[in-house]
Amino acid sequence: MSLPLFALFLAAFAFGTAEFVIAGVLPEVAGGLNVTIPVAGYLVSGYAVGIAIGGPLLAVATKKISRKALIIALGAVFTLGQVLCALAPNFELLMAARVIVSVAHGTYFGIAAIVAVGLVPRDKRGFAVALILSGLTVSNILGVPGGTAIGNALGWRATFWAVGALGLLATLIIAIALPRTAGAAATSGSFRREFRALGRQQIITSLIIVMLVMIGQYSLFTYIAPLLRDVTGLDVNMVPWVLLLYGVGSTIGVFIGGRLADWKLMPSLIAILGLQVVAFTALYLVSPYPIAMAITVVLWGGVNFAFGSPVQTRILAWAADAPNLASSLIPSGFNVGIAIGAVLGAAAIENGLGYRALPLIGTVALILAVAVAIYSHLREQRSNATPPGLTGAVAAQ
């Protein structure tokens, strides 16, 4: 791994920790701000909406700015946002602070993907995307359990202070390590070309797949702490360890997904989505049993994060001639799904279905994702279209 790629990875780790750690301290945040857990869950939805709407708008508005300068500015906004989260006196101000951070988050991941693939040879693009994604997965291994443990020991506000320090460190390393010319090609090109690229079916269907996977994922993950406590029967101090297992599985999965993206992209993606159907169904069945649940959580993390590299590599390949808007819509697709998933999970809980029913939302969403992926792959094979970023043989595999 080169130092510039490591710098991008570290920033992704900071952003991922900020987004995901709320799940580990959700009951404490709810209690501290005098709201219910389902209401506190809207902190996940608000963050996701900020990414989905603000990220693309800011990415397009700043397309002429140096990628390095923009990434540094986003890191500064991130750090300040974490300070505001730590100081927020009520739910509304905490929500506002997280939305500010989320806009920077959405813009960062679109830019980071473009910059990363430009730093490696063409046949390593899947690996480069996987490396950025691994920042998210490592945040699940270290950031989320660590932040949860800090919150349990020192209070949930201490979690945000720690994440802010992490963001400051990542920003300083990027300022030192990332070349000034990184991602320079992405600052050229017309708005018309950017919007026209979005009409390609490979991009549309890939974004739909992303949203469906995240709906399934976050209808459950948003409420994983109370599920493990109330359904599986774990002590609150064991929750960070189960989240650690999830992160281990996620990291293994993201690198497997990156290798598969550079090998057989679409068959691998379809197979990974099918395995997610199995994983969600298994989570429903084993959720009352601690040991079986812990094992299944590892597998769930692996197959969930394995899909990210293939689907993002596909979008970047088919939008290589107009990358800014399409790449910024990748985190938007993720976070529209996250927002919907968190709301669906809250609705299921509030309507009496209980935490145990949440994995079944994932089963249904992933069945739909498999169907969309198969349809898109067959249509692509019939058209014999060639993507602008990779050879047709590689992209259509």
Protein backbone atom coordinates (compact mmCIF):
# COMPACT_ATOMS: atom_id res chain seq x y z
CA MET A 1 0.00 0.00 0.00
CA SER A 2 1.40 3.42 -1.00
CA LEU A 3 1.36 6.28 1.50
CA PRO A 4 -1.27 8.28 -0.49
CA LEU A 5 -3.57 5.27 -0.52
CA PHE A 6 -3.01 4.78 3.20
CA ALA A 7 -3.94 8.43 3.78
CA LEU A 8 -7.22 7.94 1.90
CA PHE A 9 -7.83 4.74 3.86
CA LEU A 10 -7.28 6.52 7.19
CA ALA A 11 -9.77 9.26 6.32
CA ALA A 12 -12.29 6.62 5.26
CA PHE A 13 -11.73 4.96 8.64
CA ALA A 14 -12.51 8.23 10.43
CA PHE A 15 -15.66 8.88 8.39
CA GLY A 16 -16.81 5.29 8.81
CA THR A 17 -16.34 5.43 12.57
CA ALA A 18 -18.37 8.64 12.74
CA GLU A 19 -21.23 7.11 10.80
CA PHE A 20 -21.38 3.66 12.37
CA VAL A 21 -20.43 4.24 16.01
CA ILE A 22 -23.86 5.70 16.76
CA ALA A 23 -25.26 2.17 16.55
CA GLY A 24 -23.06 1.07 19.46
CA VAL A 25 -24.07 3.93 21.76
CA LEU A 26 -27.65 4.42 20.58
CA PRO A 27 -29.31 3.43 23.90
CA GLU A 28 -26.97 5.79 25.83
CA VAL A 29 -27.61 8.67 23.41
CA ALA A 30 -31.37 8.09 23.69
CA GLY A 31 -31.20 8.11 27.47
CA GLY A 32 -28.93 11.14 27.61
CA LEU A 33 -31.17 13.23 25.35
CA ASN A 34 -34.45 11.92 26.80
CA VAL A 35 -35.77 10.37 23.57
CA THR A 36 -36.79 6.80 22.74
CA ILE A 37 -34.42 4.41 20.98
CA PRO A 38 -36.48 4.45 17.72
CA VAL A 39 -36.36 8.27 17.74
CA ALA A 40 -32.62 8.20 18.37
CA GLY A 41 -32.40 5.86 15.38
CA TYR A 42 -33.32 8.82 13.19
CA LEU A 43 -29.80 10.10 13.82
CA VAL A 44 -28.77 7.33 11.43
CA SER A 45 -31.43 8.34 8.90
CA GLY A 46 -30.55 12.04 9.13
CA TYR A 47 -26.89 11.30 8.51
CA ALA A 48 -27.80 9.14 5.54
CA VAL A 49 -30.06 11.77 4.01
CA GLY A 50 -27.30 14.37 4.34
CA ILE A 51 -24.94 12.10 2.43
CA ALA A 52 -27.52 11.25 -0.21
CA ILE A 53 -28.57 14.84 -0.97
CA GLY A 54 -25.72 17.06 0.14
CA GLY A 55 -22.88 14.84 -1.08
CA PRO A 56 -23.70 14.94 -4.82
CA LEU A 57 -24.59 18.64 -4.75
CA LEU A 58 -21.31 19.58 -3.09
CA ALA A 59 -19.33 17.22 -5.33
CA VAL A 60 -20.67 18.85 -8.50
CA ALA A 61 -20.35 22.38 -7.10
CA THR A 62 -16.68 21.79 -6.22
CA LYS A 63 -15.65 19.83 -9.31
CA LYS A 64 -13.15 22.52 -10.40
CA ILE A 65 -11.36 22.58 -7.05
CA SER A 66 -8.14 20.62 -6.52
CA ARG A 67 -9.01 17.18 -5.16
CA LYS A 68 -6.37 17.42 -2.44
CA ALA A 69 -7.52 20.86 -1.28
CA LEU A 70 -11.13 19.71 -1.22
CA ILE A 71 -10.35 16.56 0.76
CA ILE A 72 -8.44 18.62 3.35
CA ALA A 73 -11.37 21.03 3.63
CA LEU A 74 -13.77 18.12 4.09
CA GLY A 75 -11.54 16.75 6.86
CA ALA A 76 -11.66 20.10 8.64
CA VAL A 77 -15.48 20.18 8.43
CA PHE A 78 -15.59 16.61 9.73
CA THR A 79 -13.43 17.44 12.75
CA LEU A 80 -15.45 20.54 13.64
CA GLY A 81 -18.66 18.55 13.23
CA GLN A 82 -17.55 15.98 15.78
CA VAL A 83 -16.85 18.76 18.28
CA LEU A 84 -20.38 20.07 17.73
CA CYS A 85 -21.78 16.55 18.26
CA ALA A 86 -19.91 16.21 21.54
CA LEU A 87 -21.25 19.53 22.79
CA ALA A 88 -24.84 19.21 21.51
CA PRO A 89 -27.28 19.89 24.39
CA ASN A 90 -30.33 18.30 22.74
CA PHE A 91 -31.45 15.89 20.03
CA GLU A 92 -32.13 18.59 17.43
CA LEU A 93 -28.65 20.11 17.61
CA LEU A 94 -27.01 16.69 17.57
CA MET A 95 -28.99 15.89 14.43
CA ALA A 96 -27.91 19.17 12.81
CA ALA A 97 -24.24 18.52 13.62
CA ARG A 98 -24.40 15.01 12.16
CA VAL A 99 -26.03 16.31 8.99
CA ILE A 100 -23.17 18.79 8.53
CA VAL A 101 -20.67 15.95 8.88
CA SER A 102 -22.69 13.74 6.56
CA VAL A 103 -22.46 16.18 3.64
CA ALA A 104 -18.67 16.13 3.94
CA HIS A 105 -18.83 12.34 4.21
CA GLY A 106 -20.81 11.92 1.00
CA THR A 107 -18.50 14.20 -0.95
CA TYR A 108 -15.36 12.55 0.43
CA PHE A 109 -16.16 9.01 -0.60
CA GLY A 110 -17.05 9.99 -4.16
CA ILE A 111 -13.77 11.89 -4.52
CA ALA A 112 -11.69 9.25 -2.72
CA ALA A 113 -12.87 6.53 -5.11
CA ILE A 114 -11.83 8.59 -8.15
CA VAL A 115 -8.47 9.49 -6.65
CA ALA A 116 -7.75 5.93 -5.53
CA VAL A 117 -8.35 4.31 -8.92
CA GLY A 118 -6.13 6.97 -10.48
CA LEU A 119 -3.24 5.99 -8.21
CA VAL A 120 -3.07 2.34 -9.37
CA PRO A 121 -2.84 0.40 -12.66
CA ARG A 122 -6.11 -0.34 -14.46
CA ASP A 123 -6.16 -4.01 -13.43
CA LYS A 124 -5.90 -3.04 -9.75
CA ARG A 125 -8.92 -0.75 -9.62
CA GLY A 126 -11.00 -3.28 -7.71
CA PHE A 127 -8.26 -3.50 -5.11
CA ALA A 128 -8.05 0.31 -4.83
CA VAL A 129 -11.79 0.59 -4.26
CA ALA A 130 -11.57 -2.26 -1.75
CA LEU A 131 -8.88 -0.37 0.12
CA ILE A 132 -11.10 2.69 0.53
CA LEU A 133 -13.96 0.43 1.60
CA SER A 134 -11.65 -1.29 4.06
CA GLY A 135 -11.50 2.01 5.92
CA LEU A 136 -15.20 1.51 6.57
CA THR A 137 -14.73 -2.11 7.60
CA VAL A 138 -11.77 -1.42 9.85
CA SER A 139 -13.92 1.27 11.46
CA ASN A 140 -16.27 -1.57 12.33
CA ILE A 141 -13.39 -3.61 13.80
CA LEU A 142 -11.68 -0.83 15.76
CA GLY A 143 -13.70 2.37 15.56
CA VAL A 144 -17.18 1.11 16.43
CA PRO A 145 -16.21 -1.28 19.25
CA GLY A 146 -13.64 1.23 20.55
CA GLY A 147 -16.11 4.09 20.39
CA THR A 148 -18.77 1.95 22.03
CA ALA A 149 -16.39 0.99 24.83
CA ILE A 150 -15.43 4.65 25.33
CA GLY A 151 -19.11 5.57 25.45
CA ASN A 152 -19.87 2.86 27.98
CA ALA A 153 -16.95 3.90 30.19
CA LEU A 154 -16.91 7.70 29.86
CA GLY A 155 -20.28 8.61 28.39
CA TRP A 156 -21.45 8.92 24.80
CA ARG A 157 -20.08 12.47 24.41
CA ALA A 158 -16.55 11.14 24.91
CA THR A 159 -17.12 8.95 21.84
CA PHE A 160 -17.57 12.03 19.64
CA TRP A 161 -14.49 13.72 21.11
CA ALA A 162 -12.43 10.64 20.25
CA VAL A 163 -13.80 10.50 16.70
CA GLY A 164 -12.99 14.20 16.26
CA ALA A 165 -9.37 13.57 17.24
CA LEU A 166 -9.22 10.75 14.72
CA GLY A 167 -10.53 13.05 11.99
CA LEU A 168 -7.92 15.69 12.79
CA LEU A 169 -5.13 13.10 12.55
CA ALA A 170 -6.40 11.79 9.19
CA THR A 171 -6.63 15.31 7.78
CA LEU A 172 -3.05 16.13 8.77
CA ILE A 173 -1.71 12.94 7.15
CA ILE A 174 -3.61 13.63 3.91
CA ALA A 175 -2.15 17.15 3.82
CA ILE A 176 1.32 15.62 4.03
CA ALA A 177 0.99 12.47 1.90
CA LEU A 178 -1.49 13.02 -0.94
CA PRO A 179 0.03 14.42 -4.18
CA ARG A 180 -1.25 17.82 -5.27
CA THR A 181 -2.14 16.43 -8.71
CA ALA A 182 -4.15 13.46 -7.38
CA GLY A 183 -7.46 13.11 -9.21
CA ALA A 184 -6.69 16.08 -11.49
CA ALA A 185 -8.56 14.55 -14.45
CA ALA A 186 -11.81 14.62 -12.47
CA THR A 187 -11.77 18.43 -12.38
CA SER A 188 -12.42 18.61 -16.13
CA GLY A 189 -15.46 17.68 -18.21
CA SER A 190 -18.92 19.15 -18.75
CA PHE A 191 -22.01 18.95 -16.58
CA ARG A 192 -23.94 17.61 -19.59
CA ARG A 193 -21.59 14.65 -19.88
CA GLU A 194 -21.87 14.01 -16.14
CA PHE A 195 -25.67 13.77 -16.30
CA ARG A 196 -25.70 11.80 -19.56
CA ALA A 197 -23.51 9.09 -18.04
CA LEU A 198 -26.16 8.46 -15.40
CA GLY A 199 -28.50 7.08 -18.06
CA ARG A 200 -26.41 3.94 -18.57
CA GLN A 201 -28.33 0.95 -17.27
CA GLN A 202 -25.24 -0.47 -15.57
CA ILE A 203 -25.02 2.63 -13.38
CA ILE A 204 -28.76 2.79 -12.67
CA THR A 205 -29.10 -0.87 -11.74
CA SER A 206 -25.91 -0.84 -9.67
CA LEU A 207 -27.22 2.08 -7.62
CA ILE A 208 -30.53 0.23 -7.13
CA ILE A 209 -28.60 -2.81 -5.90
CA VAL A 210 -26.65 -0.62 -3.47
CA MET A 211 -29.87 0.84 -2.06
CA LEU A 212 -31.54 -2.55 -1.64
CA VAL A 213 -28.52 -4.03 0.15
CA MET A 214 -28.34 -1.08 2.53
CA ILE A 215 -32.07 -1.25 3.25
CA GLY A 216 -31.59 -4.82 4.40
CA GLN A 217 -28.39 -4.05 6.26
CA TYR A 218 -29.50 -1.01 8.24
CA SER A 219 -33.01 -2.10 9.08
CA LEU A 220 -31.06 -4.48 11.32
CA PHE A 221 -27.66 -2.89 12.06
CA THR A 222 -29.16 0.38 13.34
CA TYR A 223 -30.75 -1.60 16.19
CA ILE A 224 -28.10 -4.29 16.60
CA ALA A 225 -27.22 -3.20 20.17
CA PRO A 226 -30.75 -3.54 21.61
CA LEU A 227 -31.31 -6.74 19.59
CA LEU A 228 -28.19 -8.34 21.07
CA ARG A 229 -29.24 -7.17 24.52
CA ASP A 230 -32.96 -8.01 24.46
CA VAL A 231 -33.24 -10.94 22.01
CA THR A 232 -29.85 -12.66 22.22
CA GLY A 233 -29.59 -11.92 25.94
CA LEU A 234 -26.05 -10.52 25.97
CA ASP A 235 -24.74 -8.28 28.70
CA VAL A 236 -24.22 -4.69 27.52
CA ASN A 237 -20.44 -5.06 27.96
CA MET A 238 -20.42 -7.94 25.44
CA VAL A 239 -21.96 -5.85 22.66
CA PRO A 240 -18.64 -4.21 21.63
CA TRP A 241 -17.08 -7.67 21.27
CA VAL A 242 -19.83 -8.87 18.96
CA LEU A 243 -19.43 -5.68 16.92
CA LEU A 244 -15.71 -6.47 16.80
CA LEU A 245 -16.53 -9.89 15.32
CA TYR A 246 -18.76 -8.18 12.76
CA GLY A 247 -15.86 -5.91 11.82
CA VAL A 248 -13.47 -8.84 11.44
CA GLY A 249 -15.89 -10.51 9.04
CA SER A 250 -16.38 -7.22 7.19
CA THR A 251 -12.66 -6.68 6.63
CA ILE A 252 -12.16 -10.19 5.31
CA GLY A 253 -15.18 -9.74 3.06
CA VAL A 254 -14.13 -6.41 1.58
CA PHE A 255 -10.76 -7.70 0.41
CA ILE A 256 -12.28 -10.89 -0.98
CA GLY A 257 -14.78 -8.68 -2.82
CA GLY A 258 -11.95 -6.54 -4.20
CA ARG A 259 -10.14 -9.58 -5.61
CA LEU A 260 -13.36 -10.91 -7.09
CA ALA A 261 -14.06 -7.53 -8.70
CA ASP A 262 -10.72 -7.77 -10.55
CA TRP A 263 -11.51 -11.37 -11.57
CA LYS A 264 -15.18 -12.11 -12.40
CA LEU A 265 -17.14 -9.00 -11.59
CA MET A 266 -20.81 -9.69 -12.24
CA PRO A 267 -20.92 -13.44 -11.45
CA SER A 268 -19.13 -12.64 -8.18
CA LEU A 269 -21.58 -9.85 -7.36
CA ILE A 270 -24.60 -12.07 -7.98
CA ALA A 271 -23.15 -14.85 -5.83
CA ILE A 272 -22.35 -12.45 -2.98
CA LEU A 273 -25.89 -11.08 -3.02
CA GLY A 274 -27.27 -14.62 -2.90
CA LEU A 275 -25.13 -15.38 0.14
CA GLN A 276 -26.54 -12.30 1.84
CA VAL A 277 -30.05 -13.74 1.47
CA VAL A 278 -28.82 -16.81 3.33
CA ALA A 279 -27.09 -14.69 6.00
CA PHE A 280 -30.16 -12.60 6.85
CA THR A 281 -32.35 -15.67 7.05
CA ALA A 282 -29.81 -17.32 9.36
CA LEU A 283 -29.71 -14.23 11.60
CA TYR A 284 -33.46 -14.48 12.10
CA LEU A 285 -33.23 -18.15 13.02
CA VAL A 286 -30.27 -17.97 15.44
CA SER A 287 -30.81 -14.56 17.08
CA PRO A 288 -31.95 -16.09 20.46
CA TYR A 289 -28.76 -18.19 20.72
CA PRO A 290 -25.59 -16.28 21.73
CA ILE A 291 -22.87 -18.54 20.27
CA ALA A 292 -24.69 -19.21 17.01
CA MET A 293 -25.53 -15.51 16.73
CA ALA A 294 -21.89 -14.47 17.19
CA ILE A 295 -20.74 -16.86 14.45
CA THR A 296 -23.47 -15.74 12.08
CA VAL A 297 -22.65 -12.07 12.70
CA VAL A 298 -19.10 -12.72 11.44
CA LEU A 299 -20.43 -14.32 8.25
CA TRP A 300 -22.99 -11.56 7.84
CA GLY A 301 -20.30 -8.89 8.04
CA GLY A 302 -18.20 -10.73 5.46
CA VAL A 303 -20.84 -11.15 2.78
CA ASN A 304 -22.30 -7.68 3.40
CA PHE A 305 -19.05 -5.84 2.75
CA ALA A 306 -17.87 -8.17 -0.02
CA PHE A 307 -20.45 -6.70 -2.41
CA GLY A 308 -19.13 -3.13 -2.18
CA SER A 309 -15.98 -3.46 -4.29
CA PRO A 310 -17.63 -5.20 -7.27
CA VAL A 311 -20.61 -2.83 -7.41
CA GLN A 312 -18.50 0.33 -7.04
CA THR A 313 -15.89 -0.87 -9.52
CA ARG A 314 -18.70 -1.42 -12.02
CA ILE A 315 -20.10 2.08 -11.55
CA LEU A 316 -16.66 3.70 -11.86
CA ALA A 317 -15.91 1.71 -15.01
CA TRP A 318 -19.13 2.74 -16.73
CA ALA A 319 -18.73 6.37 -15.64
CA ALA A 320 -15.00 6.75 -16.25
CA ASP A 321 -15.58 9.48 -18.85
CA ALA A 322 -17.78 11.49 -16.44
CA PRO A 323 -16.87 10.39 -12.91
CA ASN A 324 -17.80 13.26 -10.58
CA LEU A 325 -21.57 12.97 -10.36
CA ALA A 326 -21.73 9.18 -10.71
CA SER A 327 -19.06 8.61 -8.06
CA SER A 328 -20.77 10.99 -5.64
CA LEU A 329 -24.01 9.09 -6.15
CA ILE A 330 -22.36 5.89 -4.89
CA PRO A 331 -22.40 7.06 -1.25
CA SER A 332 -25.82 8.58 -1.95
CA GLY A 333 -27.13 5.19 -3.02
CA PHE A 334 -25.66 3.62 0.08
CA ASN A 335 -27.18 6.21 2.34
CA VAL A 336 -30.62 6.43 0.77
CA GLY A 337 -30.78 2.72 1.53
CA ILE A 338 -29.44 3.31 5.04
CA ALA A 339 -32.06 5.99 5.70
CA ILE A 340 -34.90 3.81 4.41
CA GLY A 341 -33.58 0.81 6.32
CA ALA A 342 -33.38 2.70 9.61
CA VAL A 343 -36.94 4.01 9.14
CA LEU A 344 -38.28 0.56 8.23
CA GLY A 345 -36.58 -0.91 11.28
CA ALA A 346 -38.07 1.77 13.52
CA ALA A 347 -41.51 1.19 12.00
CA ALA A 348 -41.25 -2.55 12.59
CA ILE A 349 -40.30 -2.00 16.24
CA GLU A 350 -42.94 0.64 16.89
CA ASN A 351 -45.64 -1.57 15.34
CA GLY A 352 -44.88 -4.45 17.67
CA LEU A 353 -42.92 -6.80 15.40
CA GLY A 354 -39.93 -6.62 17.72
CA TYR A 355 -36.18 -6.63 17.15
CA ARG A 356 -36.08 -10.29 16.12
CA ALA A 357 -38.13 -9.64 12.96
CA LEU A 358 -35.62 -7.13 11.58
CA PRO A 359 -33.44 -9.64 9.65
CA LEU A 360 -36.47 -10.63 7.58
CA ILE A 361 -36.50 -7.16 6.02
CA GLY A 362 -32.99 -7.94 4.82
CA THR A 363 -34.04 -11.28 3.35
CA VAL A 364 -36.71 -9.64 1.21
CA ALA A 365 -34.48 -6.72 0.14
CA LEU A 366 -31.65 -9.02 -0.91
CA ILE A 367 -33.91 -11.28 -2.95
CA LEU A 368 -34.88 -8.17 -4.92
CA ALA A 369 -31.19 -7.20 -5.27
CA VAL A 370 -30.34 -10.62 -6.74
CA ALA A 371 -33.14 -10.22 -9.28
CA VAL A 372 -31.93 -6.76 -10.35
CA ALA A 373 -28.32 -7.96 -10.68
CA ILE A 374 -29.28 -10.93 -12.86
CA TYR A 375 -31.47 -8.75 -15.07
CA SER A 376 -28.71 -6.15 -15.52
CA HIS A 377 -26.04 -8.74 -16.29
CA LEU A 378 -28.17 -10.48 -18.91
CA ARG A 379 -29.06 -7.16 -20.55
CA GLU A 380 -25.41 -6.13 -20.62
CA GLN A 381 -24.38 -9.40 -22.23
CA ARG A 382 -27.01 -9.02 -24.96
CA SER A 383 -25.99 -5.44 -25.78
CA ASN A 384 -22.22 -6.10 -26.10
CA ALA A 385 -21.65 -2.51 -24.94
CA THR A 386 -18.10 -1.44 -24.02
CA PRO A 387 -17.59 0.68 -20.89
CA PRO A 388 -15.35 3.74 -21.20
CA GLY A 389 -13.25 2.79 -18.19
CA LEU A 390 -12.42 -0.88 -18.70
CA THR A 391 -12.50 -3.29 -21.57
CA GLY A 392 -15.87 -4.83 -22.17
CA ALA A 393 -14.53 -8.27 -21.31
CA VAL A 394 -13.47 -7.19 -17.86
CA ALA A 395 -16.48 -5.08 -16.99
CA ALA A 396 -19.07 -7.58 -18.18
CA GLN A 397 -17.50 -10.62 -16.52
